[in-house]
């Protein structure tokens, strides 16, 4: 199969349109169409169903798209390794982590990394879904559990716990509960029990909800929970590292907390010698060390 035709096929399948693929490839729509027809003729199959709304892959087209997707990821990985042979740290680094950790801990600290390596281009992907690192859906992951794949290099960064926090203003207006029995006169802010989240956090929320709290605000991520707390809406369930950047928050009911949640950094074995990955790993490790030192102090 012609590599150039496969490249054009992949762009069309990815964009679902000859016009959009042409824009990406800097080719005319007619040129793209000719290449697709030539590829179909060489394989003696139909790769796309033509519809008014666009192009839809046939079963054979899906098989070929799976293959070209893996090829593109492998080529991207190879290009990254070639770039990493240079002395300087630069280029794209795709980092995935949870919405909470990414917005509340990682993103506020990235200025220090950019100051040291201004040529980095970080693509920060925040979602609860676990991306497939060996398939290069991301380069580095920070996860709230140990990765299960055997072909990943992993490092345990720290342990965190979910605890209850409120603002001084909220507690001054509504009082500070001394027991869970007194929580009935307060509003609980937390992630919805059905939202994708770490098991320890979900377990704590279920435990709190069992006390029949009359008023709640549920959000689908910790960033939203924090905004509710900062605006004095109620008492929120938040990760303990939040106090590093919001020291004015007051911990409520100190005996109420989740079990420990391990935080791991992981990346594929093939990126072991990547200078970009090494720079990010060292940066995160240094920030964690400074965080622990301040916490102990």
C-alpha atoms as a PDB file:
ATOM      1  CA  UNK A   1       0.000   0.000   0.000  1.00  0.00           C
ATOM      2  CA  UNK A   2       1.180   3.493  -0.853  1.00  0.00           C
ATOM      3  CA  UNK A   3       2.255   5.372   2.288  1.00  0.00           C
ATOM      4  CA  UNK A   4       1.091   8.698   0.914  1.00  0.00           C
ATOM      5  CA  UNK A   5      -2.362   7.331   0.148  1.00  0.00           C
ATOM      6  CA  UNK A   6      -2.561   5.859   3.674  1.00  0.00           C
ATOM      7  CA  UNK A   7      -1.662   9.250   5.147  1.00  0.00           C
ATOM      8  CA  UNK A   8      -4.458  10.884   3.153  1.00  0.00           C
ATOM      9  CA  UNK A   9      -6.903   8.099   4.067  1.00  0.00           C
ATOM     10  CA  UNK A  10      -6.116   8.563   7.770  1.00  0.00           C
ATOM     11  CA  UNK A  11      -6.787  12.306   7.584  1.00  0.00           C
ATOM     12  CA  UNK A  12     -10.123  11.763   5.815  1.00  0.00           C
ATOM     13  CA  UNK A  13     -11.196   9.071   8.289  1.00  0.00           C
ATOM     14  CA  UNK A  14     -10.147  11.253  11.213  1.00  0.00           C
ATOM     15  CA  UNK A  15     -11.962  14.373   9.953  1.00  0.00           C
ATOM     16  CA  UNK A  16     -14.919  12.610   8.321  1.00  0.00           C
ATOM     17  CA  UNK A  17     -14.755  14.983   5.380  1.00  0.00           C
ATOM     18  CA  UNK A  18     -12.744  15.375   2.183  1.00  0.00           C
ATOM     19  CA  UNK A  19     -12.786  19.167   2.563  1.00  0.00           C
ATOM     20  CA  UNK A  20     -11.552  19.190   6.165  1.00  0.00           C
ATOM     21  CA  UNK A  21      -8.898  16.582   5.391  1.00  0.00           C
ATOM     22  CA  UNK A  22      -7.764  18.697   2.446  1.00  0.00           C
ATOM     23  CA  UNK A  23      -7.418  21.716   4.737  1.00  0.00           C
ATOM     24  CA  UNK A  24      -5.171  19.729   7.076  1.00  0.00           C
ATOM     25  CA  UNK A  25      -3.121  18.223   4.251  1.00  0.00           C
ATOM     26  CA  UNK A  26      -3.021  21.448   2.181  1.00  0.00           C
ATOM     27  CA  UNK A  27      -4.560  19.603  -0.767  1.00  0.00           C
ATOM     28  CA  UNK A  28      -7.633  20.334  -2.862  1.00  0.00           C
ATOM     29  CA  UNK A  29     -10.781  18.331  -2.252  1.00  0.00           C
ATOM     30  CA  UNK A  30     -10.520  16.800  -5.748  1.00  0.00           C
ATOM     31  CA  UNK A  31      -6.919  15.700  -5.112  1.00  0.00           C
ATOM     32  CA  UNK A  32      -7.918  14.033  -1.842  1.00  0.00           C
ATOM     33  CA  UNK A  33     -10.876  12.346  -3.527  1.00  0.00           C
ATOM     34  CA  UNK A  34      -8.660  10.952  -6.309  1.00  0.00           C
ATOM     35  CA  UNK A  35      -6.225   9.463  -3.806  1.00  0.00           C
ATOM     36  CA  UNK A  36      -9.034   7.804  -1.836  1.00  0.00           C
ATOM     37  CA  UNK A  37     -10.530   6.319  -5.005  1.00  0.00           C
ATOM     38  CA  UNK A  38      -7.096   5.052  -6.076  1.00  0.00           C
ATOM     39  CA  UNK A  39      -6.574   3.421  -2.663  1.00  0.00           C
ATOM     40  CA  UNK A  40      -9.997   1.755  -2.803  1.00  0.00           C
ATOM     41  CA  UNK A  41      -9.243   0.447  -6.299  1.00  0.00           C
ATOM     42  CA  UNK A  42      -5.847  -0.921  -5.254  1.00  0.00           C
ATOM     43  CA  UNK A  43      -7.461  -2.767  -2.329  1.00  0.00           C
ATOM     44  CA  UNK A  44     -10.595  -3.657  -4.282  1.00  0.00           C
ATOM     45  CA  UNK A  45     -12.832  -2.542  -1.375  1.00  0.00           C
ATOM     46  CA  UNK A  46     -15.045   0.398  -0.456  1.00  0.00           C
ATOM     47  CA  UNK A  47     -13.566   2.283   2.504  1.00  0.00           C
ATOM     48  CA  UNK A  48     -16.259   4.946   2.968  1.00  0.00           C
ATOM     49  CA  UNK A  49     -20.021   5.211   2.723  1.00  0.00           C
ATOM     50  CA  UNK A  50     -20.809   8.540   1.051  1.00  0.00           C
ATOM     51  CA  UNK A  51     -23.612  10.501   2.774  1.00  0.00           C
ATOM     52  CA  UNK A  52     -24.846  14.054   2.517  1.00  0.00           C
ATOM     53  CA  UNK A  53     -23.659  14.596   6.088  1.00  0.00           C
ATOM     54  CA  UNK A  54     -20.157  13.353   5.307  1.00  0.00           C
ATOM     55  CA  UNK A  55     -18.157  10.149   5.047  1.00  0.00           C
ATOM     56  CA  UNK A  56     -18.714   7.108   7.270  1.00  0.00           C
ATOM     57  CA  UNK A  57     -16.180   4.276   7.414  1.00  0.00           C
ATOM     58  CA  UNK A  58     -17.189   0.852   6.151  1.00  0.00           C
ATOM     59  CA  UNK A  59     -16.178  -2.249   8.095  1.00  0.00           C
ATOM     60  CA  UNK A  60     -13.056  -2.546   5.936  1.00  0.00           C
ATOM     61  CA  UNK A  61     -12.427   1.151   6.417  1.00  0.00           C
ATOM     62  CA  UNK A  62     -12.588   0.734  10.203  1.00  0.00           C
ATOM     63  CA  UNK A  63      -9.955  -2.024  10.025  1.00  0.00           C
ATOM     64  CA  UNK A  64      -7.632   0.142   7.965  1.00  0.00           C
ATOM     65  CA  UNK A  65      -8.222   3.196  10.203  1.00  0.00           C
ATOM     66  CA  UNK A  66      -7.271   1.145  13.290  1.00  0.00           C
ATOM     67  CA  UNK A  67      -4.043   0.188  11.546  1.00  0.00           C
ATOM     68  CA  UNK A  68      -3.186   3.725  10.407  1.00  0.00           C
ATOM     69  CA  UNK A  69      -3.986   5.084  13.883  1.00  0.00           C
ATOM     70  CA  UNK A  70      -1.423   2.743  15.421  1.00  0.00           C
ATOM     71  CA  UNK A  71       1.053   3.692  12.705  1.00  0.00           C
ATOM     72  CA  UNK A  72       0.604   7.405  13.388  1.00  0.00           C
ATOM     73  CA  UNK A  73       1.090   6.891  17.136  1.00  0.00           C
ATOM     74  CA  UNK A  74       4.241   4.881  16.524  1.00  0.00           C
ATOM     75  CA  UNK A  75       5.610   7.508  14.159  1.00  0.00           C
ATOM     76  CA  UNK A  76       4.812  10.240  16.705  1.00  0.00           C
ATOM     77  CA  UNK A  77       6.653   8.261  19.376  1.00  0.00           C
ATOM     78  CA  UNK A  78       9.647   7.784  17.085  1.00  0.00           C
ATOM     79  CA  UNK A  79       9.702  11.471  16.188  1.00  0.00           C
ATOM     80  CA  UNK A  80       9.597  12.315  19.898  1.00  0.00           C
ATOM     81  CA  UNK A  81      12.543  10.014  20.615  1.00  0.00           C
ATOM     82  CA  UNK A  82      14.514  11.580  17.761  1.00  0.00           C
ATOM     83  CA  UNK A  83      13.815  15.058  19.147  1.00  0.00           C
ATOM     84  CA  UNK A  84      14.836  13.863  22.598  1.00  0.00           C
ATOM     85  CA  UNK A  85      18.284  13.012  21.259  1.00  0.00           C
ATOM     86  CA  UNK A  86      19.000  16.742  21.353  1.00  0.00           C
ATOM     87  CA  UNK A  87      20.444  18.325  24.498  1.00  0.00           C
ATOM     88  CA  UNK A  88      17.619  20.824  24.900  1.00  0.00           C
ATOM     89  CA  UNK A  89      14.207  20.047  26.418  1.00  0.00           C
ATOM     90  CA  UNK A  90      11.530  21.222  24.002  1.00  0.00           C
ATOM     91  CA  UNK A  91       8.501  20.046  22.050  1.00  0.00           C
ATOM     92  CA  UNK A  92       5.104  18.625  22.930  1.00  0.00           C
ATOM     93  CA  UNK A  93       4.431  16.685  26.126  1.00  0.00           C
ATOM     94  CA  UNK A  94       0.949  15.253  26.598  1.00  0.00           C
ATOM     95  CA  UNK A  95       0.059  14.937  30.277  1.00  0.00           C
ATOM     96  CA  UNK A  96      -3.143  13.366  31.563  1.00  0.00           C
ATOM     97  CA  UNK A  97      -4.531  13.541  35.088  1.00  0.00           C
ATOM     98  CA  UNK A  98      -7.820  14.035  36.897  1.00  0.00           C
ATOM     99  CA  UNK A  99      -9.782  17.274  36.740  1.00  0.00           C
ATOM    100  CA  UNK A 100      -9.248  17.872  40.455  1.00  0.00           C
ATOM    101  CA  UNK A 101      -5.497  17.284  40.628  1.00  0.00           C
ATOM    102  CA  UNK A 102      -4.897  19.010  37.307  1.00  0.00           C
ATOM    103  CA  UNK A 103      -6.760  22.217  38.134  1.00  0.00           C
ATOM    104  CA  UNK A 104      -6.105  22.452  41.866  1.00  0.00           C
ATOM    105  CA  UNK A 105      -2.487  21.261  42.160  1.00  0.00           C
ATOM    106  CA  UNK A 106      -0.663  20.771  38.848  1.00  0.00           C
ATOM    107  CA  UNK A 107      -1.707  23.718  36.639  1.00  0.00           C
ATOM    108  CA  UNK A 108      -0.922  26.419  39.267  1.00  0.00           C
ATOM    109  CA  UNK A 109       2.662  25.090  39.484  1.00  0.00           C
ATOM    110  CA  UNK A 110       3.479  24.824  35.787  1.00  0.00           C
ATOM    111  CA  UNK A 111       4.871  28.360  35.587  1.00  0.00           C
ATOM    112  CA  UNK A 112       8.063  27.122  37.274  1.00  0.00           C
ATOM    113  CA  UNK A 113       8.448  24.356  34.679  1.00  0.00           C
ATOM    114  CA  UNK A 114       7.945  26.761  31.755  1.00  0.00           C
ATOM    115  CA  UNK A 115      10.434  29.178  33.276  1.00  0.00           C
ATOM    116  CA  UNK A 116      13.077  26.434  33.262  1.00  0.00           C
ATOM    117  CA  UNK A 117      12.079  24.964  29.881  1.00  0.00           C
ATOM    118  CA  UNK A 118      10.395  27.696  27.786  1.00  0.00           C
ATOM    119  CA  UNK A 119      10.430  25.484  24.677  1.00  0.00           C
ATOM    120  CA  UNK A 120       8.014  22.930  26.144  1.00  0.00           C
ATOM    121  CA  UNK A 121       4.502  22.615  24.713  1.00  0.00           C
ATOM    122  CA  UNK A 122       2.378  20.884  27.355  1.00  0.00           C
ATOM    123  CA  UNK A 123      -0.972  19.443  26.351  1.00  0.00           C
ATOM    124  CA  UNK A 124      -2.772  18.987  29.690  1.00  0.00           C
ATOM    125  CA  UNK A 125      -5.680  16.537  29.337  1.00  0.00           C
ATOM    126  CA  UNK A 126      -7.957  16.630  32.374  1.00  0.00           C
ATOM    127  CA  UNK A 127     -10.471  13.807  32.655  1.00  0.00           C
ATOM    128  CA  UNK A 128     -11.362  10.945  34.943  1.00  0.00           C
ATOM    129  CA  UNK A 129     -11.005   8.447  32.086  1.00  0.00           C
ATOM    130  CA  UNK A 130      -7.765   6.448  32.242  1.00  0.00           C
ATOM    131  CA  UNK A 131      -5.978   7.009  28.928  1.00  0.00           C
ATOM    132  CA  UNK A 132      -3.945   4.213  27.353  1.00  0.00           C
ATOM    133  CA  UNK A 133      -0.280   5.167  27.732  1.00  0.00           C
ATOM    134  CA  UNK A 134       1.205   2.187  25.831  1.00  0.00           C
ATOM    135  CA  UNK A 135      -1.037   3.168  22.889  1.00  0.00           C
ATOM    136  CA  UNK A 136       0.315   6.732  23.270  1.00  0.00           C
ATOM    137  CA  UNK A 137      -2.989   8.422  24.053  1.00  0.00           C
ATOM    138  CA  UNK A 138      -0.760  10.459  26.400  1.00  0.00           C
ATOM    139  CA  UNK A 139       2.944  10.583  27.277  1.00  0.00           C
ATOM    140  CA  UNK A 140       2.703  10.898  31.060  1.00  0.00           C
ATOM    141  CA  UNK A 141      -0.112  10.248  33.527  1.00  0.00           C
ATOM    142  CA  UNK A 142      -0.659  11.251  37.128  1.00  0.00           C
ATOM    143  CA  UNK A 143      -3.243   8.842  38.506  1.00  0.00           C
ATOM    144  CA  UNK A 144      -4.996   8.370  41.817  1.00  0.00           C
ATOM    145  CA  UNK A 145      -4.197   4.637  41.828  1.00  0.00           C
ATOM    146  CA  UNK A 146      -1.326   2.408  40.760  1.00  0.00           C
ATOM    147  CA  UNK A 147      -1.388   1.713  37.002  1.00  0.00           C
ATOM    148  CA  UNK A 148      -2.268  -1.866  36.106  1.00  0.00           C
ATOM    149  CA  UNK A 149      -0.297  -2.150  32.838  1.00  0.00           C
ATOM    150  CA  UNK A 150       2.959  -4.060  33.206  1.00  0.00           C
ATOM    151  CA  UNK A 151       4.856  -2.105  30.526  1.00  0.00           C
ATOM    152  CA  UNK A 152       4.688   1.234  32.370  1.00  0.00           C
ATOM    153  CA  UNK A 153       7.331   2.889  34.514  1.00  0.00           C
ATOM    154  CA  UNK A 154       5.621   4.211  37.628  1.00  0.00           C
ATOM    155  CA  UNK A 155       6.616   6.276  40.651  1.00  0.00           C
ATOM    156  CA  UNK A 156       4.576   6.824  43.799  1.00  0.00           C
ATOM    157  CA  UNK A 157       4.444  10.547  44.462  1.00  0.00           C
ATOM    158  CA  UNK A 158       2.420  10.871  47.667  1.00  0.00           C
ATOM    159  CA  UNK A 159      -0.747   9.863  49.480  1.00  0.00           C
ATOM    160  CA  UNK A 160      -3.742  12.163  49.837  1.00  0.00           C
ATOM    161  CA  UNK A 161      -6.979  12.102  51.821  1.00  0.00           C
ATOM    162  CA  UNK A 162     -10.388  13.721  51.316  1.00  0.00           C
ATOM    163  CA  UNK A 163     -11.442  15.922  54.217  1.00  0.00           C
ATOM    164  CA  UNK A 164     -14.084  18.503  55.135  1.00  0.00           C
ATOM    165  CA  UNK A 165     -13.320  22.226  54.687  1.00  0.00           C
ATOM    166  CA  UNK A 166     -15.180  25.521  54.951  1.00  0.00           C
ATOM    167  CA  UNK A 167     -14.383  29.222  54.969  1.00  0.00           C
ATOM    168  CA  UNK A 168     -14.091  31.247  58.148  1.00  0.00           C
ATOM    169  CA  UNK A 169     -16.952  33.423  56.873  1.00  0.00           C
ATOM    170  CA  UNK A 170     -19.280  30.461  56.434  1.00  0.00           C
ATOM    171  CA  UNK A 171     -18.509  29.071  59.893  1.00  0.00           C
ATOM    172  CA  UNK A 172     -18.909  32.509  61.480  1.00  0.00           C
ATOM    173  CA  UNK A 173     -22.385  32.782  59.962  1.00  0.00           C
ATOM    174  CA  UNK A 174     -23.565  29.194  60.532  1.00  0.00           C
ATOM    175  CA  UNK A 175     -21.458  27.841  63.381  1.00  0.00           C
ATOM    176  CA  UNK A 176     -18.939  25.001  63.408  1.00  0.00           C
ATOM    177  CA  UNK A 177     -20.367  21.492  63.786  1.00  0.00           C
ATOM    178  CA  UNK A 178     -18.693  19.489  66.556  1.00  0.00           C
ATOM    179  CA  UNK A 179     -20.303  16.178  65.583  1.00  0.00           C
ATOM    180  CA  UNK A 180     -22.016  14.680  62.539  1.00  0.00           C
ATOM    181  CA  UNK A 181     -25.286  15.032  64.411  1.00  0.00           C
ATOM    182  CA  UNK A 182     -24.904  18.819  64.141  1.00  0.00           C
ATOM    183  CA  UNK A 183     -24.370  18.638  60.373  1.00  0.00           C
ATOM    184  CA  UNK A 184     -28.155  18.752  59.783  1.00  0.00           C
ATOM    185  CA  UNK A 185     -28.022  22.557  59.960  1.00  0.00           C
ATOM    186  CA  UNK A 186     -25.254  22.796  57.339  1.00  0.00           C
ATOM    187  CA  UNK A 187     -25.004  22.295  53.593  1.00  0.00           C
ATOM    188  CA  UNK A 188     -22.693  19.600  52.224  1.00  0.00           C
ATOM    189  CA  UNK A 189     -20.792  20.288  48.990  1.00  0.00           C
ATOM    190  CA  UNK A 190     -19.299  17.227  47.323  1.00  0.00           C
ATOM    191  CA  UNK A 191     -18.944  15.241  44.155  1.00  0.00           C
ATOM    192  CA  UNK A 192     -22.073  13.359  43.173  1.00  0.00           C
ATOM    193  CA  UNK A 193     -21.803   9.738  44.386  1.00  0.00           C
ATOM    194  CA  UNK A 194     -22.349   8.549  40.799  1.00  0.00           C
ATOM    195  CA  UNK A 195     -19.560  10.729  39.363  1.00  0.00           C
ATOM    196  CA  UNK A 196     -16.312   9.044  38.308  1.00  0.00           C
ATOM    197  CA  UNK A 197     -13.943   9.620  41.222  1.00  0.00           C
ATOM    198  CA  UNK A 198     -11.465   7.813  43.466  1.00  0.00           C
ATOM    199  CA  UNK A 199     -13.062   5.022  45.484  1.00  0.00           C
ATOM    200  CA  UNK A 200     -11.987   6.489  48.828  1.00  0.00           C
ATOM    201  CA  UNK A 201     -13.655   9.818  48.019  1.00  0.00           C
ATOM    202  CA  UNK A 202     -16.860   8.140  46.863  1.00  0.00           C
ATOM    203  CA  UNK A 203     -16.914   6.037  50.030  1.00  0.00           C
ATOM    204  CA  UNK A 204     -16.582   9.136  52.237  1.00  0.00           C
ATOM    205  CA  UNK A 205     -19.404  10.887  50.370  1.00  0.00           C
ATOM    206  CA  UNK A 206     -21.670   7.856  50.781  1.00  0.00           C
ATOM    207  CA  UNK A 207     -20.839   7.784  54.479  1.00  0.00           C
ATOM    208  CA  UNK A 208     -21.717  11.468  54.858  1.00  0.00           C
ATOM    209  CA  UNK A 209     -24.927  11.139  52.825  1.00  0.00           C
ATOM    210  CA  UNK A 210     -26.104   8.352  55.141  1.00  0.00           C
ATOM    211  CA  UNK A 211     -26.613  10.996  57.858  1.00  0.00           C
ATOM    212  CA  UNK A 212     -29.620  12.383  55.947  1.00  0.00           C
ATOM    213  CA  UNK A 213     -28.191  15.873  55.399  1.00  0.00           C
ATOM    214  CA  UNK A 214     -31.147  18.058  54.284  1.00  0.00           C
ATOM    215  CA  UNK A 215     -29.281  20.439  51.933  1.00  0.00           C
ATOM    216  CA  UNK A 216     -26.522  19.493  49.489  1.00  0.00           C
ATOM    217  CA  UNK A 217     -24.706  20.791  46.437  1.00  0.00           C
ATOM    218  CA  UNK A 218     -23.211  18.064  44.242  1.00  0.00           C
ATOM    219  CA  UNK A 219     -20.722  18.803  41.464  1.00  0.00           C
ATOM    220  CA  UNK A 220     -18.966  16.494  39.001  1.00  0.00           C
ATOM    221  CA  UNK A 221     -15.421  17.625  39.903  1.00  0.00           C
ATOM    222  CA  UNK A 222     -13.406  18.996  42.834  1.00  0.00           C
ATOM    223  CA  UNK A 223     -12.802  22.343  41.141  1.00  0.00           C
ATOM    224  CA  UNK A 224     -16.550  22.978  41.292  1.00  0.00           C
ATOM    225  CA  UNK A 225     -16.656  21.823  44.915  1.00  0.00           C
ATOM    226  CA  UNK A 226     -13.887  24.303  45.767  1.00  0.00           C
ATOM    227  CA  UNK A 227     -15.750  27.171  44.111  1.00  0.00           C
ATOM    228  CA  UNK A 228     -18.803  26.379  46.208  1.00  0.00           C
ATOM    229  CA  UNK A 229     -16.724  26.354  49.382  1.00  0.00           C
ATOM    230  CA  UNK A 230     -14.876  29.589  48.543  1.00  0.00           C
ATOM    231  CA  UNK A 231     -18.209  31.306  47.967  1.00  0.00           C
ATOM    232  CA  UNK A 232     -19.414  30.293  51.447  1.00  0.00           C
ATOM    233  CA  UNK A 233     -22.181  27.958  50.245  1.00  0.00           C
ATOM    234  CA  UNK A 234     -21.373  25.172  52.682  1.00  0.00           C
ATOM    235  CA  UNK A 235     -18.855  22.604  53.930  1.00  0.00           C
ATOM    236  CA  UNK A 236     -17.034  20.764  51.162  1.00  0.00           C
ATOM    237  CA  UNK A 237     -15.300  17.432  50.661  1.00  0.00           C
ATOM    238  CA  UNK A 238     -11.890  18.295  49.176  1.00  0.00           C
ATOM    239  CA  UNK A 239      -8.440  16.698  48.840  1.00  0.00           C
ATOM    240  CA  UNK A 240      -6.103  17.662  51.661  1.00  0.00           C
ATOM    241  CA  UNK A 241      -3.487  19.226  49.322  1.00  0.00           C
ATOM    242  CA  UNK A 242      -5.938  22.099  48.754  1.00  0.00           C
ATOM    243  CA  UNK A 243      -4.715  23.811  51.941  1.00  0.00           C
ATOM    244  CA  UNK A 244      -1.328  24.464  50.281  1.00  0.00           C
ATOM    245  CA  UNK A 245      -2.822  27.129  48.003  1.00  0.00           C
ATOM    246  CA  UNK A 246      -5.868  27.995  50.151  1.00  0.00           C
ATOM    247  CA  UNK A 247      -4.452  28.129  53.703  1.00  0.00           C
ATOM    248  CA  UNK A 248      -7.390  30.191  54.964  1.00  0.00           C
ATOM    249  CA  UNK A 249      -9.762  27.232  54.617  1.00  0.00           C
ATOM    250  CA  UNK A 250     -10.737  25.699  57.956  1.00  0.00           C
ATOM    251  CA  UNK A 251     -10.846  21.963  58.464  1.00  0.00           C
ATOM    252  CA  UNK A 252     -14.166  20.782  59.890  1.00  0.00           C
ATOM    253  CA  UNK A 253     -14.705  17.603  61.942  1.00  0.00           C
ATOM    254  CA  UNK A 254     -11.026  16.485  61.888  1.00  0.00           C
ATOM    255  CA  UNK A 255     -11.983  12.907  62.682  1.00  0.00           C
ATOM    256  CA  UNK A 256     -13.909  12.641  59.396  1.00  0.00           C
ATOM    257  CA  UNK A 257     -11.664  11.771  56.441  1.00  0.00           C
ATOM    258  CA  UNK A 258     -11.283   9.241  53.655  1.00  0.00           C
ATOM    259  CA  UNK A 259      -8.781   6.440  53.460  1.00  0.00           C
ATOM    260  CA  UNK A 260      -5.417   7.162  51.848  1.00  0.00           C
ATOM    261  CA  UNK A 261      -5.357   7.643  48.081  1.00  0.00           C
ATOM    262  CA  UNK A 262      -2.000   6.898  46.402  1.00  0.00           C
ATOM    263  CA  UNK A 263      -0.859   9.286  43.665  1.00  0.00           C
ATOM    264  CA  UNK A 264       1.305   7.740  40.928  1.00  0.00           C
ATOM    265  CA  UNK A 265       3.233   9.197  38.000  1.00  0.00           C
ATOM    266  CA  UNK A 266       3.510   6.782  35.060  1.00  0.00           C
ATOM    267  CA  UNK A 267       4.849   6.750  31.498  1.00  0.00           C
ATOM    268  CA  UNK A 268       5.561   4.100  28.839  1.00  0.00           C
ATOM    269  CA  UNK A 269       8.781   2.098  28.919  1.00  0.00           C
ATOM    270  CA  UNK A 270       9.696   3.413  25.457  1.00  0.00           C
ATOM    271  CA  UNK A 271       9.893   6.962  26.861  1.00  0.00           C
ATOM    272  CA  UNK A 272      12.409   5.966  29.556  1.00  0.00           C
ATOM    273  CA  UNK A 273      15.122   8.092  27.932  1.00  0.00           C
ATOM    274  CA  UNK A 274      12.879  11.003  26.940  1.00  0.00           C
ATOM    275  CA  UNK A 275      14.342  14.288  28.143  1.00  0.00           C
ATOM    276  CA  UNK A 276      10.899  15.900  28.165  1.00  0.00           C
ATOM    277  CA  UNK A 277       9.459  13.147  30.357  1.00  0.00           C
ATOM    278  CA  UNK A 278      12.511  13.278  32.635  1.00  0.00           C
ATOM    279  CA  UNK A 279      12.170  17.053  33.003  1.00  0.00           C
ATOM    280  CA  UNK A 280       8.477  16.739  33.894  1.00  0.00           C
ATOM    281  CA  UNK A 281       9.124  13.848  36.304  1.00  0.00           C
ATOM    282  CA  UNK A 282      11.848  15.766  38.123  1.00  0.00           C
ATOM    283  CA  UNK A 283       9.717  18.906  38.256  1.00  0.00           C
ATOM    284  CA  UNK A 284       6.741  17.079  39.804  1.00  0.00           C
ATOM    285  CA  UNK A 285       8.995  15.209  42.259  1.00  0.00           C
ATOM    286  CA  UNK A 286      10.608  18.482  43.390  1.00  0.00           C
ATOM    287  CA  UNK A 287       7.221  20.157  43.849  1.00  0.00           C
ATOM    288  CA  UNK A 288       5.956  17.173  45.857  1.00  0.00           C
ATOM    289  CA  UNK A 289       9.097  17.262  48.024  1.00  0.00           C
ATOM    290  CA  UNK A 290       8.626  20.986  48.729  1.00  0.00           C
ATOM    291  CA  UNK A 291       4.926  20.405  49.454  1.00  0.00           C
ATOM    292  CA  UNK A 292       5.692  17.627  51.957  1.00  0.00           C
ATOM    293  CA  UNK A 293       8.394  19.719  53.634  1.00  0.00           C
ATOM    294  CA  UNK A 294       6.011  22.663  54.094  1.00  0.00           C
ATOM    295  CA  UNK A 295       3.286  20.321  55.331  1.00  0.00           C
ATOM    296  CA  UNK A 296       5.589  18.839  57.951  1.00  0.00           C
ATOM    297  CA  UNK A 297       6.711  22.315  59.024  1.00  0.00           C
END
